[in-house]
Protein backbone atom coordinates (compact mmCIF):
# COMPACT_ATOMS: atom_id res chain seq x y z
CA MET A 1 -21.99 -20.02 -61.03
CA THR A 2 -21.01 -20.72 -57.41
CA THR A 3 -18.85 -18.53 -55.29
CA VAL A 4 -17.22 -19.45 -52.26
CA ARG A 5 -15.92 -16.87 -49.82
CA GLU A 6 -15.68 -16.30 -46.00
CA SER A 7 -18.78 -16.15 -44.26
CA ALA A 8 -20.62 -12.93 -43.52
CA ALA A 9 -19.70 -13.32 -39.86
CA VAL A 10 -16.10 -13.36 -40.69
CA ARG A 11 -16.33 -10.61 -43.08
CA TYR A 12 -18.07 -8.18 -40.92
CA GLY A 13 -16.94 -9.58 -37.76
CA ILE A 14 -13.16 -8.75 -37.99
CA TRP A 15 -14.18 -4.84 -38.01
CA VAL A 16 -15.67 -5.32 -34.56
CA LEU A 17 -13.18 -7.73 -32.99
CA CYS A 18 -10.06 -6.55 -34.32
CA PRO A 19 -10.87 -2.68 -32.91
CA ALA A 20 -12.07 -4.04 -29.65
CA LEU A 21 -8.98 -6.14 -29.25
CA GLY A 22 -6.89 -3.24 -30.26
CA ALA A 23 -8.09 -1.06 -27.58
CA LEU A 24 -8.52 -3.96 -24.80
CA VAL A 25 -4.63 -4.76 -25.44
CA LEU A 26 -3.69 -0.95 -25.38
CA TRP A 27 -5.65 -0.30 -22.23
CA GLY A 28 -3.90 -3.22 -20.35
CA LEU A 29 -0.30 -1.93 -21.10
CA THR A 30 -1.08 1.37 -20.11
CA SER A 31 -2.76 0.11 -16.94
CA ILE A 32 0.37 -1.54 -16.34
CA ALA A 33 3.08 0.93 -17.82
CA ALA A 34 4.12 2.53 -14.30
CA TRP A 35 4.88 -0.97 -12.60
CA VAL A 36 6.77 -2.09 -15.79
CA ALA A 37 8.73 1.14 -15.69
CA ASP A 38 9.91 0.17 -12.08
CA LEU A 39 11.52 -3.12 -13.82
CA ARG A 40 14.84 -1.68 -14.91
CA TRP A 41 15.86 -5.06 -16.80
CA PHE A 42 12.56 -4.73 -19.22
CA PRO A 43 13.31 -3.24 -22.36
CA PHE A 44 11.78 -0.04 -24.02
CA GLN A 45 11.81 1.53 -20.38
CA GLY A 46 11.65 5.21 -21.95
CA VAL A 47 8.23 4.14 -23.68
CA PHE A 48 6.89 3.09 -20.30
CA GLU A 49 8.20 5.86 -18.80
CA LEU A 50 6.68 8.36 -21.04
CA VAL A 51 3.09 6.68 -20.96
CA ALA A 52 3.23 6.58 -17.13
CA SER A 53 3.91 9.95 -16.95
CA ILE A 54 0.70 11.11 -18.80
CA PRO A 55 -2.55 12.02 -16.49
CA SER A 56 -4.64 9.11 -16.14
CA PRO A 57 -7.94 10.55 -18.37
CA TYR A 58 -5.89 11.06 -21.26
CA ARG A 59 -3.61 8.11 -20.90
CA VAL A 60 -6.52 5.67 -21.15
CA LEU A 61 -8.30 7.99 -23.76
CA GLY A 62 -5.30 7.70 -26.08
CA ALA A 63 -4.57 4.22 -25.34
CA LEU A 64 -8.24 3.22 -26.31
CA THR A 65 -8.26 5.72 -29.40
CA LEU A 66 -4.94 4.26 -30.80
CA GLY A 67 -5.96 0.69 -30.11
CA VAL A 68 -9.13 1.21 -31.99
CA VAL A 69 -6.82 2.64 -35.03
CA LEU A 70 -4.86 0.27 -35.05
CA GLY A 71 -7.31 -2.72 -34.72
CA LEU A 72 -9.41 -1.15 -37.82
CA ALA A 73 -5.84 -0.99 -39.86
CA LEU A 74 -5.36 -4.82 -38.96
CA ALA A 75 -8.85 -5.59 -40.23
CA PHE A 76 -8.00 -3.61 -43.38
CA LEU A 77 -5.10 -5.81 -43.89
CA TRP A 78 -6.94 -8.89 -43.17
CA ALA A 79 -10.06 -8.07 -45.63
CA VAL A 80 -8.21 -7.03 -48.45
CA ASP A 81 -6.22 -10.46 -47.97
CA MET A 82 -9.29 -12.44 -48.40
CA LEU A 83 -9.62 -14.84 -51.31
CA SER A 84 -13.04 -15.58 -53.02
CA VAL A 85 -13.32 -18.39 -55.77
CA THR A 86 -16.06 -17.94 -58.17
CA VAL A 87 -16.52 -21.26 -60.15
CA SER A 88 -18.48 -21.83 -63.53
CA PRO A 89 -18.48 -24.65 -66.11
CA THR A 90 -16.12 -22.61 -68.49
CA GLU A 91 -14.12 -20.53 -65.86
CA VAL A 92 -12.59 -20.50 -62.88
CA VAL A 93 -11.90 -16.95 -61.01
CA LEU A 94 -9.41 -16.17 -58.19
CA GLN A 95 -10.28 -12.76 -56.40
CA ARG A 96 -8.00 -11.23 -53.63
CA ASP A 97 -8.90 -7.56 -53.41
CA ASP A 98 -8.26 -5.93 -57.03
CA LYS A 99 -6.47 -8.80 -58.19
CA ARG A 100 -8.21 -10.93 -60.51
CA GLN A 101 -7.06 -14.26 -61.84
CA SER A 102 -9.17 -16.22 -64.57
CA PHE A 103 -8.53 -19.70 -65.63
CA THR A 104 -10.31 -21.52 -68.35
CA SER A 105 -8.36 -24.44 -68.86
CA VAL A 106 -8.86 -26.07 -65.46
CA ARG A 107 -9.33 -29.73 -65.33
CA SER A 108 -8.96 -30.42 -61.68
CA ALA A 109 -8.47 -28.78 -58.09
CA TYR A 110 -7.51 -29.80 -54.81
CA VAL A 111 -6.60 -28.16 -51.07
CA ASP A 112 -2.86 -28.61 -50.01
CA GLY A 113 -2.58 -27.39 -46.37
CA LYS A 114 -3.59 -23.80 -46.54
CA HIS A 115 -3.29 -23.45 -50.41
CA LEU A 116 -6.08 -23.92 -53.24
CA VAL A 117 -4.43 -25.53 -56.15
CA LEU A 118 -5.71 -25.80 -59.64
CA LEU A 119 -4.27 -28.06 -62.47
CA ASP A 120 -5.03 -28.32 -66.43
CA SER A 121 -5.63 -31.26 -68.18
CA SER A 122 -1.73 -32.27 -68.57
CA ASP A 123 -1.55 -31.97 -64.88
CA ALA A 124 0.61 -28.81 -65.09
CA GLU A 125 -0.10 -26.35 -62.14
CA LEU A 126 -2.05 -23.55 -63.09
CA ALA A 127 -2.23 -21.71 -59.61
CA ARG A 128 -1.36 -22.32 -55.97
CA GLU A 129 -3.00 -19.73 -54.15
CA PRO A 130 -3.09 -19.30 -50.27
CA SER A 131 -6.57 -19.84 -48.96
CA ASP A 132 -8.58 -20.18 -45.67
CA LEU A 133 -11.94 -21.26 -47.18
CA ALA A 134 -13.32 -24.49 -46.04
CA ALA A 135 -12.17 -27.50 -48.24
CA ALA A 136 -15.52 -28.97 -47.89
CA ASP A 137 -17.44 -25.82 -49.61
CA LEU A 138 -14.59 -25.66 -52.39
CA GLN A 139 -15.19 -29.20 -53.18
CA ALA A 140 -18.95 -28.89 -53.57
CA ALA A 141 -18.33 -25.61 -56.04
CA PHE A 142 -15.86 -27.24 -58.15
CA SER A 143 -17.87 -30.66 -58.33
CA ALA A 144 -21.28 -28.88 -58.95
CA HIS A 145 -19.74 -27.54 -62.39
CA GLY A 146 -17.82 -30.83 -63.71
CA TYR A 147 -14.37 -30.12 -62.40
CA SER A 148 -12.54 -33.16 -60.83
CA TRP A 149 -11.88 -32.71 -57.06
CA LEU A 150 -8.87 -34.35 -55.59
CA SER A 151 -8.84 -35.46 -51.87
CA ALA A 152 -4.63 -34.69 -51.78
CA ASP A 153 -1.71 -33.49 -53.93
CA PRO A 154 -1.49 -36.54 -56.40
CA PHE A 155 2.34 -35.33 -56.85
CA THR A 156 3.39 -35.64 -53.41
CA ASP A 157 6.31 -38.25 -54.35
CA SER A 158 7.17 -36.37 -57.16
CA TYR A 159 8.50 -33.22 -55.00
CA ARG A 160 12.28 -33.10 -54.30
CA MET A 161 13.63 -30.56 -51.55
CA TRP A 162 15.49 -27.77 -53.38
CA VAL A 163 19.08 -26.92 -52.67
CA ASP A 164 21.12 -24.24 -54.19
CA HIS A 165 22.57 -25.06 -57.67
CA ALA A 166 20.37 -28.09 -57.99
CA PRO A 167 22.39 -29.78 -60.91
CA ASP A 168 18.80 -30.77 -62.25
CA LEU A 169 17.70 -27.25 -63.02
CA PRO A 170 18.92 -24.79 -65.21
CA ALA A 171 20.68 -21.58 -63.70
CA GLU A 172 17.84 -19.37 -64.42
CA VAL A 173 15.19 -21.64 -62.48
CA ASN A 174 17.96 -21.87 -59.43
CA SER A 175 18.31 -18.19 -59.70
CA LEU A 176 14.34 -17.75 -59.18
CA LEU A 177 14.19 -20.28 -56.62
CA ARG A 178 16.91 -18.70 -54.56
CA GLU A 179 15.00 -15.34 -54.92
CA ARG A 180 12.00 -17.10 -54.04
CA LEU A 181 13.29 -18.91 -50.78
CA ALA A 182 14.44 -15.35 -49.66
CA ALA A 183 10.71 -13.85 -50.04
CA VAL A 184 9.25 -16.93 -48.42
CA ARG A 185 11.46 -16.23 -45.21
CA LYS A 186 10.43 -12.73 -45.19
CA SER A 187 6.77 -13.17 -46.09
CA SER A 188 7.00 -11.35 -48.88
CA ASP A 189 4.19 -10.66 -51.32
CA ASP A 190 6.98 -11.61 -54.32
CA VAL A 191 6.55 -15.21 -53.30
CA GLY A 192 3.20 -15.67 -55.78
CA LEU A 193 5.13 -13.49 -58.67
CA LEU A 194 8.07 -15.77 -58.44
CA SER A 195 6.12 -19.08 -58.24
CA ALA A 196 4.23 -17.68 -61.42
CA GLU A 197 7.48 -16.96 -63.26
CA LEU A 198 8.84 -20.61 -62.19
CA ARG A 199 5.32 -22.25 -63.74
CA LYS A 200 6.52 -20.62 -67.15
CA HIS A 201 9.46 -22.89 -66.89
CA GLY A 202 7.40 -25.84 -65.95
CA VAL A 203 8.56 -25.93 -62.16
CA TYR A 204 6.25 -26.18 -59.66
CA VAL A 205 6.88 -25.35 -55.90
CA ARG A 206 5.24 -26.23 -52.72
CA ASP A 207 6.58 -24.97 -49.35
CA VAL A 208 7.09 -27.06 -45.97
CA LYS A 209 8.43 -25.26 -42.96
CA LYS A 210 10.22 -22.57 -44.78
CA ARG A 211 11.81 -24.96 -47.14
CA GLN A 212 11.15 -25.25 -50.79
CA TYR A 213 10.21 -28.42 -52.53
CA TRP A 214 9.77 -28.64 -56.43
CA ARG A 215 8.73 -30.84 -59.21
CA THR A 216 8.44 -30.54 -62.88
């Protein structure tokens, strides 16, 4: 069994880097608050005037504290969004926070841009999961346990750009694709759920610059 995850330096470093950057940014903004407040054309004048009116020691301490809190919140969101992939000869498990997906019919895998894609023996797409994991590490893990690793998407030429009411697709699939496109443009978590629903209909989707491309 092999598990591929972000390096320890990344997993633990974000808890130091994000608060430090948050504190630095907020301190920098408070240090120029009075100057910005004099620029009448600049938006959010009321906010900068309020900040500039706070006595210096409290203004700096407040900015540093708020920056650290915001940085920790960002680190938490980053940490829970990290993907780990556990590969064994009989199963592939994708884990993200408390969401666990297990696949026992994987035949091959590949990386398509920022996504890890799993295929079964009939080349049906089992999963297309956002991933920042190194392709070389994933390749080593899958190859070590007997899976076929593909250097690129073997179906690139099969995808067609989706247009609303595509005549080649049932109305239900077009409706799902319509909802999914709206979710993509909003960066909503519903993208994954809608993609899974489309897979039940034998339709597989990839995104290129906020546009959907589909194949069956």
